[in-house]
PDB file of N, CA and C in Angstrom:
ATOM      1  N   MET A   1      38.925   1.714   0.784  1.00  0.00           N
ATOM      2  CA  MET A   1      38.600   0.382   1.274  1.00  0.00           C
ATOM      3  C   MET A   1      39.764  -0.532   0.949  1.00  0.00           C
ATOM      4  N   LEU A   2      40.158  -1.384   1.876  1.00  0.00           N
ATOM      5  CA  LEU A   2      41.250  -2.316   1.670  1.00  0.00           C
ATOM      6  C   LEU A   2      40.737  -3.572   1.006  1.00  0.00           C
ATOM      7  N   SER A   3      41.552  -4.176   0.181  1.00  0.00           N
ATOM      8  CA  SER A   3      41.178  -5.429  -0.465  1.00  0.00           C
ATOM      9  C   SER A   3      41.733  -6.565   0.358  1.00  0.00           C
ATOM     10  N   SER A   4      40.935  -7.599   0.538  1.00  0.00           N
ATOM     11  CA  SER A   4      41.373  -8.713   1.373  1.00  0.00           C
ATOM     12  C   SER A   4      42.101  -9.778   0.581  1.00  0.00           C
ATOM     13  N   GLY A   5      42.091  -9.687  -0.754  1.00  0.00           N
ATOM     14  CA  GLY A   5      42.772 -10.684  -1.551  1.00  0.00           C
ATOM     15  C   GLY A   5      41.884 -11.887  -1.836  1.00  0.00           C
ATOM     16  N   ARG A   6      40.644 -11.875  -1.411  1.00  0.00           N
ATOM     17  CA  ARG A   6      39.734 -12.989  -1.634  1.00  0.00           C
ATOM     18  C   ARG A   6      38.677 -12.631  -2.664  1.00  0.00           C
ATOM     19  N   GLY A   7      38.880 -11.644  -3.433  1.00  0.00           N
ATOM     20  CA  GLY A   7      37.868 -11.237  -4.392  1.00  0.00           C
ATOM     21  C   GLY A   7      36.917 -10.269  -3.729  1.00  0.00           C
ATOM     22  N   THR A   8      35.634 -10.338  -4.124  1.00  0.00           N
ATOM     23  CA  THR A   8      34.671  -9.376  -3.601  1.00  0.00           C
ATOM     24  C   THR A   8      34.149  -9.768  -2.233  1.00  0.00           C
ATOM     25  N   GLY A   9      34.336 -11.036  -1.811  1.00  0.00           N
ATOM     26  CA  GLY A   9      33.787 -11.488  -0.528  1.00  0.00           C
ATOM     27  C   GLY A   9      34.341 -10.728   0.653  1.00  0.00           C
ATOM     28  N   GLY A  10      35.655 -10.521   0.690  1.00  0.00           N
ATOM     29  CA  GLY A  10      36.268  -9.839   1.823  1.00  0.00           C
ATOM     30  C   GLY A  10      35.877  -8.384   1.893  1.00  0.00           C
ATOM     31  N   SER A  11      35.811  -7.714   0.749  1.00  0.00           N
ATOM     32  CA  SER A  11      35.471  -6.297   0.756  1.00  0.00           C
ATOM     33  C   SER A  11      34.008  -6.102   1.134  1.00  0.00           C
ATOM     34  N   CYS A  12      33.161  -7.064   0.792  1.00  0.00           N
ATOM     35  CA  CYS A  12      31.749  -6.964   1.197  1.00  0.00           C
ATOM     36  C   CYS A  12      31.628  -6.998   2.712  1.00  0.00           C
ATOM     37  N   VAL A  13      32.430  -7.855   3.341  1.00  0.00           N
ATOM     38  CA  VAL A  13      32.388  -7.933   4.794  1.00  0.00           C
ATOM     39  C   VAL A  13      32.831  -6.615   5.394  1.00  0.00           C
ATOM     40  N   GLN A  14      33.879  -6.031   4.838  1.00  0.00           N
ATOM     41  CA  GLN A  14      34.362  -4.767   5.365  1.00  0.00           C
ATOM     42  C   GLN A  14      33.329  -3.680   5.172  1.00  0.00           C
ATOM     43  N   LYS A  15      32.626  -3.661   4.053  1.00  0.00           N
ATOM     44  CA  LYS A  15      31.583  -2.662   3.835  1.00  0.00           C
ATOM     45  C   LYS A  15      30.479  -2.817   4.869  1.00  0.00           C
ATOM     46  N   VAL A  16      30.114  -4.064   5.155  1.00  0.00           N
ATOM     47  CA  VAL A  16      29.063  -4.304   6.142  1.00  0.00           C
ATOM     48  C   VAL A  16      29.511  -3.830   7.505  1.00  0.00           C
ATOM     49  N   ILE A  17      30.755  -4.112   7.861  1.00  0.00           N
ATOM     50  CA  ILE A  17      31.265  -3.684   9.160  1.00  0.00           C
ATOM     51  C   ILE A  17      31.224  -2.171   9.256  1.00  0.00           C
ATOM     52  N   MET A  18      31.620  -1.500   8.184  1.00  0.00           N
ATOM     53  CA  MET A  18      31.609  -0.039   8.214  1.00  0.00           C
ATOM     54  C   MET A  18      30.178   0.477   8.339  1.00  0.00           C
ATOM     55  N   ALA A  19      29.259  -0.194   7.665  1.00  0.00           N
ATOM     56  CA  ALA A  19      27.871   0.265   7.727  1.00  0.00           C
ATOM     57  C   ALA A  19      27.294   0.038   9.108  1.00  0.00           C
ATOM     58  N   VAL A  20      27.672  -1.055   9.729  1.00  0.00           N
ATOM     59  CA  VAL A  20      27.129  -1.364  11.051  1.00  0.00           C
ATOM     60  C   VAL A  20      27.740  -0.467  12.107  1.00  0.00           C
ATOM     61  N   THR A  21      29.061  -0.306  12.054  1.00  0.00           N
ATOM     62  CA  THR A  21      29.720   0.456  13.104  1.00  0.00           C
ATOM     63  C   THR A  21      29.667   1.945  12.841  1.00  0.00           C
ATOM     64  N   GLY A  22      29.633   2.310  11.563  1.00  0.00           N
ATOM     65  CA  GLY A  22      29.666   3.722  11.237  1.00  0.00           C
ATOM     66  C   GLY A  22      31.028   4.323  11.533  1.00  0.00           C
ATOM     67  N   ASP A  23      32.053   3.484  11.528  1.00  0.00           N
ATOM     68  CA  ASP A  23      33.377   3.911  11.935  1.00  0.00           C
ATOM     69  C   ASP A  23      34.369   3.505  10.847  1.00  0.00           C
ATOM     70  N   GLU A  24      35.271   4.349  10.507  1.00  0.00           N
ATOM     71  CA  GLU A  24      36.258   4.052   9.477  1.00  0.00           C
ATOM     72  C   GLU A  24      37.356   3.132  10.002  1.00  0.00           C
ATOM     73  N   THR A  25      37.341   2.790  11.294  1.00  0.00           N
ATOM     74  CA  THR A  25      38.391   1.920  11.827  1.00  0.00           C
ATOM     75  C   THR A  25      38.263   0.513  11.286  1.00  0.00           C
ATOM     76  N   ALA A  26      37.086   0.137  10.766  1.00  0.00           N
ATOM     77  CA  ALA A  26      36.904  -1.210  10.235  1.00  0.00           C
ATOM     78  C   ALA A  26      37.775  -1.422   9.008  1.00  0.00           C
ATOM     79  N   ALA A  27      37.995  -0.374   8.237  1.00  0.00           N
ATOM     80  CA  ALA A  27      38.824  -0.498   7.040  1.00  0.00           C
ATOM     81  C   ALA A  27      40.282  -0.689   7.404  1.00  0.00           C
ATOM     82  N   THR A  28      40.700  -0.196   8.541  1.00  0.00           N
ATOM     83  CA  THR A  28      42.104  -0.320   8.938  1.00  0.00           C
ATOM     84  C   THR A  28      42.359  -1.585   9.727  1.00  0.00           C
ATOM     85  N   GLY A  29      41.302  -2.284  10.155  1.00  0.00           N
ATOM     86  CA  GLY A  29      41.480  -3.515  10.905  1.00  0.00           C
ATOM     87  C   GLY A  29      41.459  -3.311  12.400  1.00  0.00           C
ATOM     88  N   ASP A  30      41.366  -2.057  12.900  1.00  0.00           N
ATOM     89  CA  ASP A  30      41.296  -1.835  14.334  1.00  0.00           C
ATOM     90  C   ASP A  30      39.932  -2.253  14.857  1.00  0.00           C
ATOM     91  N   MET A  31      39.899  -2.673  16.093  1.00  0.00           N
ATOM     92  CA  MET A  31      38.639  -3.082  16.711  1.00  0.00           C
ATOM     93  C   MET A  31      37.851  -1.843  17.110  1.00  0.00           C
ATOM     94  N   PRO A  32      36.644  -1.692  16.624  1.00  0.00           N
ATOM     95  CA  PRO A  32      35.831  -0.547  17.036  1.00  0.00           C
ATOM     96  C   PRO A  32      35.291  -0.757  18.441  1.00  0.00           C
ATOM     97  N   ALA A  33      35.025   0.323  19.119  1.00  0.00           N
ATOM     98  CA  ALA A  33      34.485   0.253  20.474  1.00  0.00           C
ATOM     99  C   ALA A  33      32.968   0.274  20.381  1.00  0.00           C
ATOM    100  N   TYR A  34      32.314  -0.685  21.041  1.00  0.00           N
ATOM    101  CA  TYR A  34      30.854  -0.766  21.049  1.00  0.00           C
ATOM    102  C   TYR A  34      30.338  -0.336  22.404  1.00  0.00           C
ATOM    103  N   GLN A  35      29.210   0.315  22.411  1.00  0.00           N
ATOM    104  CA  GLN A  35      28.566   0.699  23.654  1.00  0.00           C
ATOM    105  C   GLN A  35      27.231  -0.005  23.739  1.00  0.00           C
ATOM    106  N   ILE A  36      26.921  -0.517  24.906  1.00  0.00           N
ATOM    107  CA  ILE A  36      25.641  -1.187  25.111  1.00  0.00           C
ATOM    108  C   ILE A  36      24.676  -0.179  25.692  1.00  0.00           C
ATOM    109  N   ARG A  37      23.563   0.021  24.987  1.00  0.00           N
ATOM    110  CA  ARG A  37      22.554   0.956  25.469  1.00  0.00           C
ATOM    111  C   ARG A  37      21.291   0.194  25.801  1.00  0.00           C
ATOM    112  N   THR A  38      20.606   0.637  26.813  1.00  0.00           N
ATOM    113  CA  THR A  38      19.328   0.023  27.139  1.00  0.00           C
ATOM    114  C   THR A  38      18.276   0.589  26.200  1.00  0.00           C
ATOM    115  N   PRO A  39      17.389  -0.263  25.691  1.00  0.00           N
ATOM    116  CA  PRO A  39      16.371   0.233  24.764  1.00  0.00           C
ATOM    117  C   PRO A  39      15.379   1.136  25.483  1.00  0.00           C
ATOM    118  N   THR A  40      15.046   2.199  24.820  1.00  0.00           N
ATOM    119  CA  THR A  40      14.054   3.109  25.384  1.00  0.00           C
ATOM    120  C   THR A  40      12.816   3.057  24.510  1.00  0.00           C
ATOM    121  N   THR A  41      11.677   2.908  25.125  1.00  0.00           N
ATOM    122  CA  THR A  41      10.426   2.828  24.383  1.00  0.00           C
ATOM    123  C   THR A  41       9.339   3.565  25.157  1.00  0.00           C
ATOM    124  N   THR A  42       8.386   4.091  24.437  1.00  0.00           N
ATOM    125  CA  THR A  42       7.282   4.801  25.075  1.00  0.00           C
ATOM    126  C   THR A  42       6.034   3.938  25.123  1.00  0.00           C
ATOM    127  N   LEU A  43       6.149   2.648  24.694  1.00  0.00           N
ATOM    128  CA  LEU A  43       4.996   1.760  24.722  1.00  0.00           C
ATOM    129  C   LEU A  43       4.731   1.285  26.142  1.00  0.00           C
ATOM    130  N   PRO A  44       3.469   1.174  26.531  1.00  0.00           N
ATOM    131  CA  PRO A  44       3.166   0.618  27.851  1.00  0.00           C
ATOM    132  C   PRO A  44       3.565  -0.856  27.904  1.00  0.00           C
ATOM    133  N   GLN A  45       3.793  -1.332  29.115  1.00  0.00           N
ATOM    134  CA  GLN A  45       4.224  -2.714  29.279  1.00  0.00           C
ATOM    135  C   GLN A  45       3.128  -3.654  28.784  1.00  0.00           C
ATOM    136  N   GLY A  46       3.513  -4.707  28.044  1.00  0.00           N
ATOM    137  CA  GLY A  46       2.552  -5.678  27.531  1.00  0.00           C
ATOM    138  C   GLY A  46       2.117  -5.393  26.106  1.00  0.00           C
ATOM    139  N   VAL A  47       2.471  -4.233  25.539  1.00  0.00           N
ATOM    140  CA  VAL A  47       2.111  -3.922  24.169  1.00  0.00           C
ATOM    141  C   VAL A  47       3.216  -4.438  23.268  1.00  0.00           C
ATOM    142  N   VAL A  48       2.830  -5.197  22.256  1.00  0.00           N
ATOM    143  CA  VAL A  48       3.799  -5.775  21.343  1.00  0.00           C
ATOM    144  C   VAL A  48       3.673  -5.075  20.002  1.00  0.00           C
ATOM    145  N   MET A  49       4.808  -4.686  19.448  1.00  0.00           N
ATOM    146  CA  MET A  49       4.794  -4.032  18.142  1.00  0.00           C
ATOM    147  C   MET A  49       4.698  -5.083  17.056  1.00  0.00           C
ATOM    148  N   ALA A  50       3.981  -4.805  15.987  1.00  0.00           N
ATOM    149  CA  ALA A  50       3.880  -5.711  14.847  1.00  0.00           C
ATOM    150  C   ALA A  50       5.202  -5.711  14.111  1.00  0.00           C
ATOM    151  N   ALA A  51       5.530  -6.852  13.507  1.00  0.00           N
ATOM    152  CA  ALA A  51       6.798  -6.965  12.798  1.00  0.00           C
ATOM    153  C   ALA A  51       6.823  -6.050  11.583  1.00  0.00           C
ATOM    154  N   SER A  52       5.739  -6.014  10.844  1.00  0.00           N
ATOM    155  CA  SER A  52       5.659  -5.147   9.690  1.00  0.00           C
ATOM    156  C   SER A  52       4.197  -4.878   9.389  1.00  0.00           C
ATOM    157  N   PRO A  53       3.893  -3.803   8.697  1.00  0.00           N
ATOM    158  CA  PRO A  53       2.499  -3.516   8.397  1.00  0.00           C
ATOM    159  C   PRO A  53       1.846  -4.590   7.533  1.00  0.00           C
ATOM    160  N   GLY A  54       2.626  -5.344   6.767  1.00  0.00           N
ATOM    161  CA  GLY A  54       2.078  -6.388   5.916  1.00  0.00           C
ATOM    162  C   GLY A  54       1.531  -7.573   6.690  1.00  0.00           C
ATOM    163  N   THR A  55       1.863  -7.703   7.984  1.00  0.00           N
ATOM    164  CA  THR A  55       1.385  -8.839   8.759  1.00  0.00           C
ATOM    165  C   THR A  55      -0.023  -8.628   9.287  1.00  0.00           C
ATOM    166  N   LEU A  56      -0.523  -7.401   9.240  1.00  0.00           N
ATOM    167  CA  LEU A  56      -1.879  -7.148   9.693  1.00  0.00           C
ATOM    168  C   LEU A  56      -2.855  -7.593   8.612  1.00  0.00           C
ATOM    169  N   HIS A  57      -3.877  -8.355   8.988  1.00  0.00           N
ATOM    170  CA  HIS A  57      -4.818  -8.893   8.021  1.00  0.00           C
ATOM    171  C   HIS A  57      -6.208  -8.340   8.275  1.00  0.00           C
ATOM    172  N   SER A  58      -6.930  -8.166   7.211  1.00  0.00           N
ATOM    173  CA  SER A  58      -8.317  -7.749   7.326  1.00  0.00           C
ATOM    174  C   SER A  58      -9.158  -8.981   7.644  1.00  0.00           C
ATOM    175  N   PRO A  59     -10.392  -8.780   8.117  1.00  0.00           N
ATOM    176  CA  PRO A  59     -11.262  -9.930   8.403  1.00  0.00           C
ATOM    177  C   PRO A  59     -11.478 -10.805   7.167  1.00  0.00           C
ATOM    178  N   GLN A  60     -11.528 -10.201   5.994  1.00  0.00           N
ATOM    179  CA  GLN A  60     -11.716 -10.979   4.772  1.00  0.00           C
ATOM    180  C   GLN A  60     -10.493 -11.867   4.516  1.00  0.00           C
ATOM    181  N   GLN A  61      -9.294 -11.329   4.730  1.00  0.00           N
ATOM    182  CA  GLN A  61      -8.075 -12.119   4.536  1.00  0.00           C
ATOM    183  C   GLN A  61      -8.016 -13.259   5.549  1.00  0.00           C
ATOM    184  N   LEU A  62      -8.424 -12.980   6.785  1.00  0.00           N
ATOM    185  CA  LEU A  62      -8.431 -14.027   7.806  1.00  0.00           C
ATOM    186  C   LEU A  62      -9.414 -15.124   7.438  1.00  0.00           C
ATOM    187  N   ALA A  63     -10.585 -14.759   6.919  1.00  0.00           N
ATOM    188  CA  ALA A  63     -11.588 -15.743   6.513  1.00  0.00           C
ATOM    189  C   ALA A  63     -11.070 -16.580   5.346  1.00  0.00           C
ATOM    190  N   GLU A  64     -10.414 -15.933   4.386  1.00  0.00           N
ATOM    191  CA  GLU A  64      -9.850 -16.662   3.250  1.00  0.00           C
ATOM    192  C   GLU A  64      -8.770 -17.632   3.708  1.00  0.00           C
ATOM    193  N   GLU A  65      -7.949 -17.176   4.638  1.00  0.00           N
ATOM    194  CA  GLU A  65      -6.884 -18.031   5.175  1.00  0.00           C
ATOM    195  C   GLU A  65      -7.486 -19.234   5.904  1.00  0.00           C
ATOM    196  N   ALA A  66      -8.529 -18.994   6.700  1.00  0.00           N
ATOM    197  CA  ALA A  66      -9.189 -20.086   7.419  1.00  0.00           C
ATOM    198  C   ALA A  66      -9.816 -21.068   6.428  1.00  0.00           C
ATOM    199  N   THR A  67     -10.422 -20.554   5.379  1.00  0.00           N
ATOM    200  CA  THR A  67     -11.023 -21.413   4.360  1.00  0.00           C
ATOM    201  C   THR A  67      -9.959 -22.242   3.661  1.00  0.00           C
ATOM    202  N   ARG A  68      -8.852 -21.602   3.335  1.00  0.00           N
ATOM    203  CA  ARG A  68      -7.759 -22.320   2.674  1.00  0.00           C
ATOM    204  C   ARG A  68      -7.205 -23.421   3.575  1.00  0.00           C
ATOM    205  N   LYS A  69      -7.012 -23.106   4.851  1.00  0.00           N
ATOM    206  CA  LYS A  69      -6.495 -24.104   5.791  1.00  0.00           C
ATOM    207  C   LYS A  69      -7.474 -25.261   5.947  1.00  0.00           C
ATOM    208  N   ARG A  70      -8.779 -24.945   5.997  1.00  0.00           N
ATOM    209  CA  ARG A  70      -9.800 -25.984   6.144  1.00  0.00           C
ATOM    210  C   ARG A  70      -9.799 -26.894   4.923  1.00  0.00           C
ATOM    211  N   GLU A  71      -9.734 -26.313   3.734  1.00  0.00           N
ATOM    212  CA  GLU A  71      -9.712 -27.104   2.508  1.00  0.00           C
ATOM    213  C   GLU A  71      -8.470 -27.990   2.449  1.00  0.00           C
ATOM    214  N   LEU A  72      -7.337 -27.454   2.865  1.00  0.00           N
ATOM    215  CA  LEU A  72      -6.103 -28.235   2.888  1.00  0.00           C
ATOM    216  C   LEU A  72      -6.220 -29.398   3.870  1.00  0.00           C
ATOM    217  N   ARG A  73      -6.793 -29.111   5.052  1.00  0.00           N
ATOM    218  CA  ARG A  73      -6.971 -30.155   6.057  1.00  0.00           C
ATOM    219  C   ARG A  73      -7.918 -31.241   5.552  1.00  0.00           C
ATOM    220  N   LEU A  74      -9.036 -30.834   4.910  1.00  0.00           N
ATOM    221  CA  LEU A  74      -9.986 -31.798   4.370  1.00  0.00           C
ATOM    222  C   LEU A  74      -9.351 -32.645   3.266  1.00  0.00           C
ATOM    223  N   MET A  75      -8.536 -32.002   2.425  1.00  0.00           N
ATOM    224  CA  MET A  75      -7.871 -32.738   1.356  1.00  0.00           C
ATOM    225  C   MET A  75      -6.913 -33.783   1.937  1.00  0.00           C
ATOM    226  N   LYS A  76      -6.148 -33.382   2.954  1.00  0.00           N
ATOM    227  CA  LYS A  76      -5.231 -34.330   3.596  1.00  0.00           C
ATOM    228  C   LYS A  76      -6.006 -35.459   4.263  1.00  0.00           C
ATOM    229  N   ASN A  77      -7.140 -35.120   4.881  1.00  0.00           N
ATOM    230  CA  ASN A  77      -7.952 -36.130   5.547  1.00  0.00           C
ATOM    231  C   ASN A  77      -8.520 -37.121   4.535  1.00  0.00           C
ATOM    232  N   ARG A  78      -8.991 -36.622   3.391  1.00  0.00           N
ATOM    233  CA  ARG A  78      -9.511 -37.512   2.350  1.00  0.00           C
ATOM    234  C   ARG A  78      -8.425 -38.464   1.856  1.00  0.00           C
ATOM    235  N   GLU A  79      -7.232 -37.929   1.668  1.00  0.00           N
ATOM    236  CA  GLU A  79      -6.115 -38.759   1.201  1.00  0.00           C
ATOM    237  C   GLU A  79      -5.761 -39.821   2.246  1.00  0.00           C
ATOM    238  N   ALA A  80      -5.743 -39.431   3.517  1.00  0.00           N
ATOM    239  CA  ALA A  80      -5.438 -40.383   4.590  1.00  0.00           C
ATOM    240  C   ALA A  80      -6.512 -41.464   4.665  1.00  0.00           C
ATOM    241  N   ALA A  81      -7.790 -41.079   4.505  1.00  0.00           N
ATOM    242  CA  ALA A  81      -8.883 -42.048   4.531  1.00  0.00           C
ATOM    243  C   ALA A  81      -8.774 -43.007   3.349  1.00  0.00           C
ATOM    244  N   ARG A  82      -8.426 -42.483   2.182  1.00  0.00           N
ATOM    245  CA  ARG A  82      -8.251 -43.323   0.991  1.00  0.00           C
ATOM    246  C   ARG A  82      -7.142 -44.347   1.230  1.00  0.00           C
ATOM    247  N   GLU A  83      -6.039 -43.891   1.805  1.00  0.00           N
ATOM    248  CA  GLU A  83      -4.915 -44.780   2.091  1.00  0.00           C
ATOM    249  C   GLU A  83      -5.312 -45.829   3.124  1.00  0.00           C
ATOM    250  N   CYS A  84      -6.072 -45.426   4.137  1.00  0.00           N
ATOM    251  CA  CYS A  84      -6.532 -46.354   5.174  1.00  0.00           C
ATOM    252  C   CYS A  84      -7.422 -47.430   4.565  1.00  0.00           C
ATOM    253  N   ARG A  85      -8.355 -47.044   3.682  1.00  0.00           N
ATOM    254  CA  ARG A  85      -9.237 -48.024   3.031  1.00  0.00           C
ATOM    255  C   ARG A  85      -8.433 -48.978   2.152  1.00  0.00           C
ATOM    256  N   ARG A  86      -7.423 -48.454   1.458  1.00  0.00           N
ATOM    257  CA  ARG A  86      -6.581 -49.305   0.611  1.00  0.00           C
ATOM    258  C   ARG A  86      -5.837 -50.346   1.448  1.00  0.00           C
ATOM    259  N   LYS A  87      -5.268 -49.889   2.582  1.00  0.00           N
ATOM    260  CA  LYS A  87      -4.545 -50.819   3.453  1.00  0.00           C
ATOM    261  C   LYS A  87      -5.479 -51.864   4.043  1.00  0.00           C
ATOM    262  N   LYS A  88      -6.704 -51.454   4.400  1.00  0.00           N
ATOM    263  CA  LYS A  88      -7.672 -52.393   4.968  1.00  0.00           C
ATOM    264  C   LYS A  88      -8.042 -53.450   3.932  1.00  0.00           C
ATOM    265  N   LYS A  89      -8.264 -53.040   2.674  1.00  0.00           N
ATOM    266  CA  LYS A  89      -8.575 -53.998   1.611  1.00  0.00           C
ATOM    267  C   LYS A  89      -7.433 -54.995   1.432  1.00  0.00           C
ATOM    268  N   GLU A  90      -6.216 -54.488   1.451  1.00  0.00           N
ATOM    269  CA  GLU A  90      -5.046 -55.350   1.303  1.00  0.00           C
ATOM    270  C   GLU A  90      -4.958 -56.344   2.457  1.00  0.00           C
ATOM    271  N   TYR A  91      -5.223 -55.867   3.674  1.00  0.00           N
ATOM    272  CA  TYR A  91      -5.180 -56.721   4.858  1.00  0.00           C
ATOM    273  C   TYR A  91      -6.249 -57.814   4.772  1.00  0.00           C
ATOM    274  N   VAL A  92      -7.474 -57.431   4.383  1.00  0.00           N
ATOM    275  CA  VAL A  92      -8.562 -58.400   4.268  1.00  0.00           C
ATOM    276  C   VAL A  92      -8.245 -59.428   3.188  1.00  0.00           C
ATOM    277  N   LYS A  93      -7.664 -58.967   2.076  1.00  0.00           N
ATOM    278  CA  LYS A  93      -7.302 -59.892   0.992  1.00  0.00           C
ATOM    279  C   LYS A  93      -6.259 -60.893   1.481  1.00  0.00           C
ATOM    280  N   CYS A  94      -5.283 -60.425   2.263  1.00  0.00           N
ATOM    281  CA  CYS A  94      -4.271 -61.332   2.811  1.00  0.00           C
ATOM    282  C   CYS A  94      -4.905 -62.346   3.759  1.00  0.00           C
ATOM    283  N   LEU A  95      -5.851 -61.877   4.576  1.00  0.00           N
ATOM    284  CA  LEU A  95      -6.550 -62.798   5.487  1.00  0.00           C
ATOM    285  C   LEU A  95      -7.346 -63.839   4.708  1.00  0.00           C
ATOM    286  N   GLU A  96      -8.032 -63.409   3.643  1.00  0.00           N
ATOM    287  CA  GLU A  96      -8.809 -64.346   2.828  1.00  0.00           C
ATOM    288  C   GLU A  96      -7.898 -65.388   2.192  1.00  0.00           C
ATOM    289  N   ASN A  97      -6.742 -64.956   1.701  1.00  0.00           N
ATOM    290  CA  ASN A  97      -5.781 -65.904   1.127  1.00  0.00           C
ATOM    291  C   ASN A  97      -5.294 -66.889   2.182  1.00  0.00           C
ATOM    292  N   ARG A  98      -5.038 -66.386   3.374  1.00  0.00           N
ATOM    293  CA  ARG A  98      -4.569 -67.260   4.455  1.00  0.00           C
ATOM    294  C   ARG A  98      -5.645 -68.275   4.830  1.00  0.00           C
ATOM    295  N   VAL A  99      -6.901 -67.824   4.878  1.00  0.00           N
ATOM    296  CA  VAL A  99      -8.016 -68.735   5.181  1.00  0.00           C
ATOM    297  C   VAL A  99      -8.087 -69.827   4.130  1.00  0.00           C
ATOM    298  N   ALA A 100      -7.971 -69.451   2.847  1.00  0.00           N
ATOM    299  CA  ALA A 100      -8.033 -70.445   1.768  1.00  0.00           C
ATOM    300  C   ALA A 100      -6.911 -71.468   1.907  1.00  0.00           C
ATOM    301  N   VAL A 101      -5.697 -71.007   2.197  1.00  0.00           N
ATOM    302  CA  VAL A 101      -4.552 -71.908   2.350  1.00  0.00           C
ATOM    303  C   VAL A 101      -4.780 -72.839   3.534  1.00  0.00           C
ATOM    304  N   LEU A 102      -5.231 -72.278   4.658  1.00  0.00           N
ATOM    305  CA  LEU A 102      -5.457 -73.098   5.855  1.00  0.00           C
ATOM    306  C   LEU A 102      -6.594 -74.091   5.646  1.00  0.00           C
ATOM    307  N   GLU A 103      -7.649 -73.709   4.918  1.00  0.00           N
ATOM    308  CA  GLU A 103      -8.745 -74.640   4.632  1.00  0.00           C
ATOM    309  C   GLU A 103      -8.241 -75.811   3.783  1.00  0.00           C
ATOM    310  N   ASN A 104      -7.422 -75.499   2.770  1.00  0.00           N
ATOM    311  CA  ASN A 104      -6.847 -76.579   1.950  1.00  0.00           C
ATOM    312  C   ASN A 104      -5.959 -77.494   2.779  1.00  0.00           C
ATOM    313  N   GLN A 105      -5.151 -76.870   3.642  1.00  0.00           N
ATOM    314  CA  GLN A 105      -4.259 -77.658   4.490  1.00  0.00           C
ATOM    315  C   GLN A 105      -5.085 -78.533   5.441  1.00  0.00           C
ATOM    316  N   ASN A 106      -6.142 -77.958   5.997  1.00  0.00           N
ATOM    317  CA  ASN A 106      -7.015 -78.706   6.909  1.00  0.00           C
ATOM    318  C   ASN A 106      -7.673 -79.882   6.177  1.00  0.00           C
ATOM    319  N   LYS A 107      -8.159 -79.650   4.959  1.00  0.00           N
ATOM    320  CA  LYS A 107      -8.794 -80.692   4.165  1.00  0.00           C
ATOM    321  C   LYS A 107      -7.806 -81.823   3.880  1.00  0.00           C
ATOM    322  N   THR A 108      -6.577 -81.452   3.530  1.00  0.00           N
ATOM    323  CA  THR A 108      -5.538 -82.449   3.258  1.00  0.00           C
ATOM    324  C   THR A 108      -5.238 -83.266   4.509  1.00  0.00           C
ATOM    325  N   LEU A 109      -5.140 -82.599   5.640  1.00  0.00           N
ATOM    326  CA  LEU A 109      -4.846 -83.312   6.897  1.00  0.00           C
ATOM    327  C   LEU A 109      -5.992 -84.242   7.291  1.00  0.00           C
ATOM    328  N   ILE A 110      -7.215 -83.814   7.080  1.00  0.00           N
ATOM    329  CA  ILE A 110      -8.374 -84.668   7.394  1.00  0.00           C
ATOM    330  C   ILE A 110      -8.347 -85.919   6.519  1.00  0.00           C
ATOM    331  N   GLU A 111      -8.060 -85.738   5.218  1.00  0.00           N
ATOM    332  CA  GLU A 111      -7.976 -86.891   4.313  1.00  0.00           C
ATOM    333  C   GLU A 111      -6.848 -87.829   4.728  1.00  0.00           C
ATOM    334  N   GLU A 112      -5.726 -87.265   5.135  1.00  0.00           N
ATOM    335  CA  GLU A 112      -4.596 -88.086   5.585  1.00  0.00           C
ATOM    336  C   GLU A 112      -4.957 -88.848   6.856  1.00  0.00           C
ATOM    337  N   LEU A 113      -5.657 -88.179   7.762  1.00  0.00           N
ATOM    338  CA  LEU A 113      -6.086 -88.825   9.001  1.00  0.00           C
ATOM    339  C   LEU A 113      -7.032 -89.993   8.707  1.00  0.00           C
ATOM    340  N   LYS A 114      -7.976 -89.792   7.794  1.00  0.00           N
ATOM    341  CA  LYS A 114      -8.896 -90.871   7.416  1.00  0.00           C
ATOM    342  C   LYS A 114      -8.130 -92.048   6.831  1.00  0.00           C
ATOM    343  N   ALA A 115      -7.147 -91.724   5.981  1.00  0.00           N
ATOM    344  CA  ALA A 115      -6.361 -92.789   5.361  1.00  0.00           C
ATOM    345  C   ALA A 115      -5.594 -93.566   6.414  1.00  0.00           C
ATOM    346  N   LEU A 116      -5.009 -92.873   7.373  1.00  0.00           N
ATOM    347  CA  LEU A 116      -4.257 -93.548   8.439  1.00  0.00           C
ATOM    348  C   LEU A 116      -5.187 -94.361   9.341  1.00  0.00           C
ATOM    349  N   LYS A 117      -6.378 -93.854   9.620  1.00  0.00           N
ATOM    350  CA  LYS A 117      -7.347 -94.606  10.444  1.00  0.00           C
ATOM    351  C   LYS A 117      -7.755 -95.894   9.709  1.00  0.00           C
ATOM    352  N   ASP A 118      -8.025 -95.766   8.401  1.00  0.00           N
ATOM    353  CA  ASP A 118      -8.401 -96.943   7.625  1.00  0.00           C
ATOM    354  C   ASP A 118      -7.265 -97.956   7.642  1.00  0.00           C
ATOM    355  N   LEU A 119      -6.038 -97.514   7.466  1.00  0.00           N
ATOM    356  CA  LEU A 119      -4.894 -98.395   7.466  1.00  0.00           C
ATOM    357  C   LEU A 119      -4.715 -99.047   8.833  1.00  0.00           C
ATOM    358  N   TYR A 120      -4.872 -98.297   9.912  1.00  0.00           N
ATOM    359  CA  TYR A 120      -4.705 -98.842  11.259  1.00  0.00           C
ATOM    360  C   TYR A 120      -5.816 -99.823  11.590  1.00  0.00           C
ATOM    361  N   CYS A 121      -7.040 -99.509  11.197  1.00  0.00           N
ATOM    362  CA  CYS A 121      -8.163-100.379  11.473  1.00  0.00           C
ATOM    363  C   CYS A 121      -8.008-101.712  10.721  1.00  0.00           C
ATOM    364  N   HIS A 122      -7.516-101.697   9.485  1.00  0.00           N
ATOM    365  CA  HIS A 122      -7.340-102.928   8.719  1.00  0.00           C
ATOM    366  C   HIS A 122      -6.219-103.785   9.288  1.00  0.00           C
ATOM    367  N   LYS A 123      -5.185-103.181   9.873  1.00  0.00           N
ATOM    368  CA  LYS A 123      -4.097-103.952  10.458  1.00  0.00           C
ATOM    369  C   LYS A 123      -4.530-104.582  11.782  1.00  0.00           C
ATOM    370  N   ALA A 124      -5.429-103.910  12.498  1.00  0.00           N
ATOM    371  CA  ALA A 124      -5.879-104.424  13.787  1.00  0.00           C
ATOM    372  C   ALA A 124      -6.750-105.658  13.597  1.00  0.00           C
ATOM    373  N   GLU A 125      -7.391-105.826  12.459  1.00  0.00           N
ATOM    374  CA  GLU A 125      -8.262-106.976  12.240  1.00  0.00           C
ATOM    375  C   GLU A 125      -7.492-108.168  11.965  1.00  0.00           C
TER     376      GLU A 125
END
């Protein structure tokens, strides 16, 4: 195996190339010749192969997975509802504060209006 001068990184690449091509030309730097083959399969059309045997689940595993997903969804929903109620309380509190401020402002303006009416009425006499 040739050393690339980059430590172990370059030689790892060369090992992979040799493993993939199965050709010793990768060590010399020559370009290996690749052939494109059409895949041959004996499966009928429409049949899909499983990725690995570990992906097949029993009915019990599927039920557990569904239960876990449901619990996760319910937990997220509870949290979202809690947040919604908190925001609503905050919004209502802000509205109540605004009402109090506007009521005070209205009361002040009414008193000012009365004072101005009294002043205008006394000058007219």
